[in-house]
C-alpha atoms as a PDB file:
ATOM      1  CA  MET A   1      88.065  65.211  55.533  1.00  0.00           C
ATOM      2  CA  LEU A   2      85.377  65.678  58.191  1.00  0.00           C
ATOM      3  CA  THR A   3      81.697  65.947  57.287  1.00  0.00           C
ATOM      4  CA  TYR A   4      79.187  67.903  59.360  1.00  0.00           C
ATOM      5  CA  LEU A   5      75.437  68.271  58.944  1.00  0.00           C
ATOM      6  CA  PHE A   6      74.054  71.277  60.828  1.00  0.00           C
ATOM      7  CA  ASP A   7      70.415  71.393  61.778  1.00  0.00           C
ATOM      8  CA  ALA A   8      68.717  74.771  62.185  1.00  0.00           C
ATOM      9  CA  SER A   9      69.072  74.826  65.976  1.00  0.00           C
ATOM     10  CA  ALA A  10      72.862  74.686  65.624  1.00  0.00           C
ATOM     11  CA  ALA A  11      73.226  76.792  62.476  1.00  0.00           C
ATOM     12  CA  VAL A  12      71.311  79.754  63.882  1.00  0.00           C
ATOM     13  CA  GLU A  13      73.880  80.075  66.684  1.00  0.00           C
ATOM     14  CA  LEU A  14      76.469  81.111  64.106  1.00  0.00           C
ATOM     15  CA  TYR A  15      74.546  84.305  63.394  1.00  0.00           C
ATOM     16  CA  VAL A  16      73.331  85.625  66.751  1.00  0.00           C
ATOM     17  CA  PRO A  17      75.388  87.639  69.243  1.00  0.00           C
ATOM     18  CA  PRO A  18      76.846  85.498  72.062  1.00  0.00           C
ATOM     19  CA  ASN A  19      75.385  85.802  75.539  1.00  0.00           C
ATOM     20  CA  SER A  20      75.690  83.934  78.831  1.00  0.00           C
ATOM     21  CA  LYS A  21      73.327  81.206  77.604  1.00  0.00           C
ATOM     22  CA  ASN A  22      74.700  80.481  74.142  1.00  0.00           C
ATOM     23  CA  ALA A  23      78.371  81.538  74.299  1.00  0.00           C
ATOM     24  CA  LYS A  24      79.657  77.950  74.457  1.00  0.00           C
ATOM     25  CA  VAL A  25      77.380  76.744  71.675  1.00  0.00           C
ATOM     26  CA  GLY A  26      78.413  79.528  69.338  1.00  0.00           C
ATOM     27  CA  LYS A  27      82.100  78.977  70.092  1.00  0.00           C
ATOM     28  CA  VAL A  28      81.895  75.282  69.199  1.00  0.00           C
ATOM     29  CA  ALA A  29      79.907  76.007  66.032  1.00  0.00           C
ATOM     30  CA  ARG A  30      82.491  78.547  64.902  1.00  0.00           C
ATOM     31  CA  PHE A  31      85.284  76.070  65.698  1.00  0.00           C
ATOM     32  CA  ILE A  32      83.674  73.662  63.225  1.00  0.00           C
ATOM     33  CA  VAL A  33      83.255  76.368  60.589  1.00  0.00           C
ATOM     34  CA  ASP A  34      86.952  77.208  61.002  1.00  0.00           C
ATOM     35  CA  GLN A  35      87.801  73.637  59.997  1.00  0.00           C
ATOM     36  CA  LYS A  36      86.333  74.406  56.586  1.00  0.00           C
ATOM     37  CA  GLY A  37      87.079  78.099  56.139  1.00  0.00           C
ATOM     38  CA  THR A  38      90.637  78.256  57.459  1.00  0.00           C
ATOM     39  CA  HIS A  39      91.931  74.693  57.395  1.00  0.00           C
ATOM     40  CA  LYS A  40      90.031  73.340  54.356  1.00  0.00           C
ATOM     41  CA  GLN A  41      89.580  69.964  56.041  1.00  0.00           C
ATOM     42  CA  ALA A  42      85.815  69.785  56.509  1.00  0.00           C
ATOM     43  CA  VAL A  43      82.609  69.881  54.495  1.00  0.00           C
ATOM     44  CA  LEU A  44      79.588  71.551  56.073  1.00  0.00           C
ATOM     45  CA  TYR A  45      76.047  70.723  55.010  1.00  0.00           C
ATOM     46  CA  ILE A  46      72.663  72.040  56.030  1.00  0.00           C
ATOM     47  CA  PRO A  47      69.396  70.390  54.907  1.00  0.00           C
ATOM     48  CA  ASN A  48      67.743  72.643  52.353  1.00  0.00           C
ATOM     49  CA  PHE A  49      64.558  72.931  54.417  1.00  0.00           C
ATOM     50  CA  CYS A  50      66.645  74.016  57.434  1.00  0.00           C
ATOM     51  CA  VAL A  51      67.639  77.095  55.462  1.00  0.00           C
ATOM     52  CA  VAL A  52      64.035  78.245  55.777  1.00  0.00           C
ATOM     53  CA  GLU A  53      64.017  77.276  59.452  1.00  0.00           C
ATOM     54  CA  VAL A  54      67.053  79.473  60.112  1.00  0.00           C
ATOM     55  CA  PHE A  55      65.432  82.418  58.327  1.00  0.00           C
ATOM     56  CA  ASN A  56      62.331  81.904  60.455  1.00  0.00           C
ATOM     57  CA  ALA A  57      64.306  81.507  63.706  1.00  0.00           C
ATOM     58  CA  LEU A  58      66.153  84.758  63.090  1.00  0.00           C
ATOM     59  CA  ALA A  59      62.892  86.546  62.283  1.00  0.00           C
ATOM     60  CA  ARG A  60      61.320  85.198  65.461  1.00  0.00           C
ATOM     61  CA  ARG A  61      64.223  86.463  67.571  1.00  0.00           C
ATOM     62  CA  HIS A  62      63.784  89.908  66.035  1.00  0.00           C
ATOM     63  CA  PHE A  63      60.051  90.392  65.574  1.00  0.00           C
ATOM     64  CA  LYS A  64      58.664  88.295  68.416  1.00  0.00           C
ATOM     65  CA  ASP A  65      61.322  87.934  71.105  1.00  0.00           C
ATOM     66  CA  GLY A  66      63.156  91.202  70.599  1.00  0.00           C
ATOM     67  CA  ALA A  67      66.470  89.397  71.122  1.00  0.00           C
ATOM     68  CA  LEU A  68      67.881  90.908  67.929  1.00  0.00           C
ATOM     69  CA  ASP A  69      67.590  94.614  67.217  1.00  0.00           C
ATOM     70  CA  GLY A  70      67.202  95.886  63.679  1.00  0.00           C
ATOM     71  CA  ALA A  71      70.914  96.150  62.962  1.00  0.00           C
ATOM     72  CA  GLN A  72      71.659  92.716  64.440  1.00  0.00           C
ATOM     73  CA  TYR A  73      68.845  91.115  62.473  1.00  0.00           C
ATOM     74  CA  GLU A  74      70.021  92.698  59.226  1.00  0.00           C
ATOM     75  CA  SER A  75      73.607  91.616  59.906  1.00  0.00           C
ATOM     76  CA  ALA A  76      72.555  88.054  60.739  1.00  0.00           C
ATOM     77  CA  LEU A  77      70.511  87.762  57.547  1.00  0.00           C
ATOM     78  CA  LYS A  78      73.353  89.097  55.411  1.00  0.00           C
ATOM     79  CA  SER A  79      75.901  86.723  56.958  1.00  0.00           C
ATOM     80  CA  PHE A  80      73.636  83.693  56.595  1.00  0.00           C
ATOM     81  CA  ARG A  81      72.727  84.545  53.001  1.00  0.00           C
ATOM     82  CA  ASP A  82      76.407  84.940  52.152  1.00  0.00           C
ATOM     83  CA  ASP A  83      77.271  81.607  53.792  1.00  0.00           C
ATOM     84  CA  ILE A  84      74.675  79.590  51.887  1.00  0.00           C
ATOM     85  CA  HIS A  85      75.176  81.333  48.532  1.00  0.00           C
ATOM     86  CA  TRP A  86      76.752  78.735  46.225  1.00  0.00           C
ATOM     87  CA  GLY A  87      77.581  76.706  49.337  1.00  0.00           C
ATOM     88  CA  ARG A  88      80.270  79.169  50.390  1.00  0.00           C
ATOM     89  CA  THR A  89      80.211  77.927  53.996  1.00  0.00           C
ATOM     90  CA  LEU A  90      77.078  75.814  54.426  1.00  0.00           C
ATOM     91  CA  TYR A  91      76.132  73.672  51.439  1.00  0.00           C
ATOM     92  CA  ALA A  92      72.369  73.224  51.123  1.00  0.00           C
ATOM     93  CA  TYR A  93      71.828  69.461  51.024  1.00  0.00           C
ATOM     94  CA  ASP A  94      68.713  68.565  49.041  1.00  0.00           C
ATOM     95  CA  LEU A  95      66.126  66.133  50.303  1.00  0.00           C
ATOM     96  CA  ASN A  96      65.874  63.096  48.005  1.00  0.00           C
ATOM     97  CA  ARG A  97      63.930  59.853  47.635  1.00  0.00           C
ATOM     98  CA  TYR A  98      66.409  57.853  49.705  1.00  0.00           C
ATOM     99  CA  HIS A  99      65.816  60.115  52.670  1.00  0.00           C
ATOM    100  CA  VAL A 100      62.086  59.588  52.357  1.00  0.00           C
ATOM    101  CA  ILE A 101      62.616  55.812  52.248  1.00  0.00           C
ATOM    102  CA  GLY A 102      65.044  55.937  55.161  1.00  0.00           C
ATOM    103  CA  ALA A 103      62.588  57.753  57.396  1.00  0.00           C
ATOM    104  CA  ASP A 104      60.884  54.374  57.815  1.00  0.00           C
ATOM    105  CA  GLU A 105      63.997  53.215  59.686  1.00  0.00           C
ATOM    106  CA  ILE A 106      63.909  56.100  62.161  1.00  0.00           C
ATOM    107  CA  ILE A 107      60.201  56.581  62.862  1.00  0.00           C
ATOM    108  CA  PRO A 108      59.673  53.375  64.929  1.00  0.00           C
ATOM    109  CA  ILE A 109      62.805  54.130  66.978  1.00  0.00           C
ATOM    110  CA  GLU A 110      61.651  57.690  67.554  1.00  0.00           C
ATOM    111  CA  HIS A 111      58.269  56.557  68.841  1.00  0.00           C
ATOM    112  CA  HIS A 112      59.870  54.093  71.252  1.00  0.00           C
ATOM    113  CA  VAL A 113      62.256  56.719  72.600  1.00  0.00           C
ATOM    114  CA  ALA A 114      59.470  59.274  72.982  1.00  0.00           C
ATOM    115  CA  SER A 115      57.341  56.902  75.047  1.00  0.00           C
ATOM    116  CA  GLU A 116      60.281  55.868  77.228  1.00  0.00           C
ATOM    117  CA  HIS A 117      61.244  59.431  78.054  1.00  0.00           C
ATOM    118  CA  GLU A 118      57.741  60.898  78.134  1.00  0.00           C
ATOM    119  CA  ARG A 119      58.622  63.780  75.863  1.00  0.00           C
ATOM    120  CA  ASP A 120      57.363  65.423  72.712  1.00  0.00           C
ATOM    121  CA  HIS A 121      57.923  63.573  69.474  1.00  0.00           C
ATOM    122  CA  LEU A 122      60.375  64.796  66.880  1.00  0.00           C
ATOM    123  CA  SER A 123      58.947  66.674  63.943  1.00  0.00           C
ATOM    124  CA  THR A 124      58.972  65.106  60.501  1.00  0.00           C
ATOM    125  CA  PHE A 125      61.804  67.473  59.563  1.00  0.00           C
ATOM    126  CA  ASP A 126      63.841  66.296  62.578  1.00  0.00           C
ATOM    127  CA  ILE A 127      63.436  62.678  61.483  1.00  0.00           C
ATOM    128  CA  LEU A 128      64.550  63.576  57.966  1.00  0.00           C
ATOM    129  CA  ILE A 129      67.606  65.376  59.367  1.00  0.00           C
ATOM    130  CA  ILE A 130      68.681  62.155  61.090  1.00  0.00           C
ATOM    131  CA  VAL A 131      68.173  60.186  57.879  1.00  0.00           C
ATOM    132  CA  MET A 132      70.171  62.725  55.881  1.00  0.00           C
ATOM    133  CA  ALA A 133      73.032  62.378  58.365  1.00  0.00           C
ATOM    134  CA  CYS A 134      72.805  58.584  58.005  1.00  0.00           C
ATOM    135  CA  GLU A 135      73.080  58.989  54.237  1.00  0.00           C
ATOM    136  CA  LEU A 136      76.218  61.100  54.588  1.00  0.00           C
ATOM    137  CA  ALA A 137      77.707  58.518  56.961  1.00  0.00           C
ATOM    138  CA  TYR A 138      76.957  55.787  54.421  1.00  0.00           C
ATOM    139  CA  ILE A 139      78.442  57.482  51.372  1.00  0.00           C
ATOM    140  CA  GLY A 140      81.454  58.784  53.300  1.00  0.00           C
ATOM    141  CA  ARG A 141      83.217  57.600  56.446  1.00  0.00           C
ATOM    142  CA  ALA A 142      80.871  57.051  59.376  1.00  0.00           C
ATOM    143  CA  GLU A 143      83.593  57.820  61.917  1.00  0.00           C
ATOM    144  CA  ASP A 144      84.164  61.212  60.265  1.00  0.00           C
ATOM    145  CA  THR A 145      80.493  62.181  59.920  1.00  0.00           C
ATOM    146  CA  PHE A 146      78.745  64.327  62.532  1.00  0.00           C
ATOM    147  CA  LEU A 147      75.225  65.640  63.019  1.00  0.00           C
ATOM    148  CA  VAL A 148      75.459  69.023  64.782  1.00  0.00           C
ATOM    149  CA  THR A 149      72.446  69.985  66.866  1.00  0.00           C
ATOM    150  CA  CYS A 150      71.140  71.779  69.935  1.00  0.00           C
ATOM    151  CA  ASP A 151      68.138  69.424  70.145  1.00  0.00           C
ATOM    152  CA  LYS A 152      68.567  66.826  72.891  1.00  0.00           C
ATOM    153  CA  ARG A 153      65.772  64.705  71.436  1.00  0.00           C
ATOM    154  CA  ILE A 154      67.715  64.149  68.218  1.00  0.00           C
ATOM    155  CA  GLN A 155      70.700  62.943  70.214  1.00  0.00           C
ATOM    156  CA  LYS A 156      68.541  60.496  72.170  1.00  0.00           C
ATOM    157  CA  VAL A 157      67.007  58.991  69.036  1.00  0.00           C
ATOM    158  CA  VAL A 158      70.392  58.507  67.364  1.00  0.00           C
ATOM    159  CA  ASP A 159      71.782  56.975  70.565  1.00  0.00           C
ATOM    160  CA  GLN A 160      68.855  54.539  70.578  1.00  0.00           C
ATOM    161  CA  PHE A 161      69.495  53.771  66.905  1.00  0.00           C
ATOM    162  CA  LYS A 162      73.114  52.926  67.706  1.00  0.00           C
ATOM    163  CA  GLY A 163      72.269  50.939  70.817  1.00  0.00           C
ATOM    164  CA  THR A 164      69.417  48.795  69.494  1.00  0.00           C
ATOM    165  CA  GLU A 165      70.226  45.550  67.709  1.00  0.00           C
ATOM    166  CA  LEU A 166      69.009  45.183  64.143  1.00  0.00           C
ATOM    167  CA  LYS A 167      66.755  42.247  65.089  1.00  0.00           C
ATOM    168  CA  ARG A 168      64.972  44.375  67.689  1.00  0.00           C
ATOM    169  CA  ARG A 169      64.602  47.286  65.307  1.00  0.00           C
ATOM    170  CA  GLU A 170      63.082  44.955  62.710  1.00  0.00           C
ATOM    171  CA  GLU A 171      60.500  43.852  65.290  1.00  0.00           C
ATOM    172  CA  TRP A 172      59.396  47.458  65.634  1.00  0.00           C
ATOM    173  CA  LYS A 173      58.953  47.910  61.888  1.00  0.00           C
ATOM    174  CA  VAL A 174      56.338  46.717  59.465  1.00  0.00           C
ATOM    175  CA  ALA A 175      58.235  44.839  56.750  1.00  0.00           C
ATOM    176  CA  GLY A 176      57.901  46.248  53.265  1.00  0.00           C
ATOM    177  CA  SER A 177      59.116  45.949  49.704  1.00  0.00           C
ATOM    178  CA  LEU A 178      61.738  48.668  50.210  1.00  0.00           C
ATOM    179  CA  ASP A 179      63.670  46.701  52.850  1.00  0.00           C
ATOM    180  CA  ASP A 180      67.097  45.505  51.771  1.00  0.00           C
ATOM    181  CA  HIS A 181      69.051  43.524  54.346  1.00  0.00           C
ATOM    182  CA  SER A 182      71.905  42.727  51.965  1.00  0.00           C
ATOM    183  CA  ILE A 183      73.597  46.051  52.759  1.00  0.00           C
ATOM    184  CA  ARG A 184      73.999  48.104  55.911  1.00  0.00           C
ATOM    185  CA  ARG A 185      72.339  51.070  54.288  1.00  0.00           C
ATOM    186  CA  TRP A 186      71.402  53.239  57.250  1.00  0.00           C
ATOM    187  CA  VAL A 187      74.490  54.025  59.307  1.00  0.00           C
ATOM    188  CA  PRO A 188      73.882  56.099  62.437  1.00  0.00           C
ATOM    189  CA  PRO A 189      76.039  59.230  62.496  1.00  0.00           C
ATOM    190  CA  ASN A 190      77.950  60.686  65.405  1.00  0.00           C
ATOM    191  CA  VAL A 191      76.026  63.444  67.157  1.00  0.00           C
ATOM    192  CA  LEU A 192      77.561  66.636  68.484  1.00  0.00           C
ATOM    193  CA  TYR A 193      75.034  67.988  70.982  1.00  0.00           C
ATOM    194  CA  LEU A 194      76.478  71.457  71.417  1.00  0.00           C
ATOM    195  CA  PRO A 195      75.029  72.586  74.781  1.00  0.00           C
ATOM    196  CA  THR A 196      76.834  69.834  76.746  1.00  0.00           C
ATOM    197  CA  LEU A 197      79.735  69.120  74.394  1.00  0.00           C
ATOM    198  CA  LYS A 198      83.056  68.330  76.045  1.00  0.00           C
ATOM    199  CA  VAL A 199      86.414  69.130  74.480  1.00  0.00           C
ATOM    200  CA  GLY A 200      87.281  65.458  73.915  1.00  0.00           C
ATOM    201  CA  GLN A 201      84.170  64.928  71.795  1.00  0.00           C
ATOM    202  CA  ILE A 202      85.382  67.098  68.930  1.00  0.00           C
ATOM    203  CA  ARG A 203      88.768  66.749  67.356  1.00  0.00           C
ATOM    204  CA  PRO A 204      90.729  69.537  65.745  1.00  0.00           C
ATOM    205  CA  THR A 205      91.882  69.240  62.168  1.00  0.00           C
ATOM    206  CA  GLN A 206      95.549  69.260  61.246  1.00  0.00           C
ATOM    207  CA  GLY A 207      97.050  72.633  62.149  1.00  0.00           C
ATOM    208  CA  GLN A 208      94.023  73.725  64.181  1.00  0.00           C
ATOM    209  CA  ALA A 209      94.480  74.599  67.844  1.00  0.00           C
ATOM    210  CA  PRO A 210      92.397  72.432  70.200  1.00  0.00           C
ATOM    211  CA  LEU A 211      89.032  73.789  71.249  1.00  0.00           C
ATOM    212  CA  ASN A 212      89.223  75.697  74.511  1.00  0.00           C
ATOM    213  CA  LEU A 213      85.998  75.756  76.477  1.00  0.00           C
END
């Protein structure tokens, strides 16, 4: 069983009409959804606060950008509401105390990556999304857990998390009473960065035709 955590930047692509800029992203996202809907071999999560972000992103594309006309906006809202209702397609994953604690593991890494690449910092929500994916990797199988995003910054932070030795990461942190080195609690997930995804980076489930990009 594969586990996917969609952030809002990836989830919204399931509900907007494809165009020359997002056709590939939407195709990959729907390929993942098919692993759950048709093949019953995947679980799809979305952080509960990302539900609001998707609603807001769709509204912005309609009211501000004009990218969605009235009928498209109404259709997108209906489809998204149906998909999150009782976790029909996307199960709303609630933020909990462990995610709040785990943010302390990600924040120092994020600040180091931001300074190295001279870019904007992740939002607090983005940091929590990474921690939530780490939690899913810990309670399940890390090799079968994927964070799905269209945010390059998230990919860079997770890559830094994977590539930095624990001793170095501990040097970046301020030690506290919540630290527990007896277990490998925060396991970095795999990241599927949809805009540049290659076919070999995503595997089909049993009975599913390979992704054709």
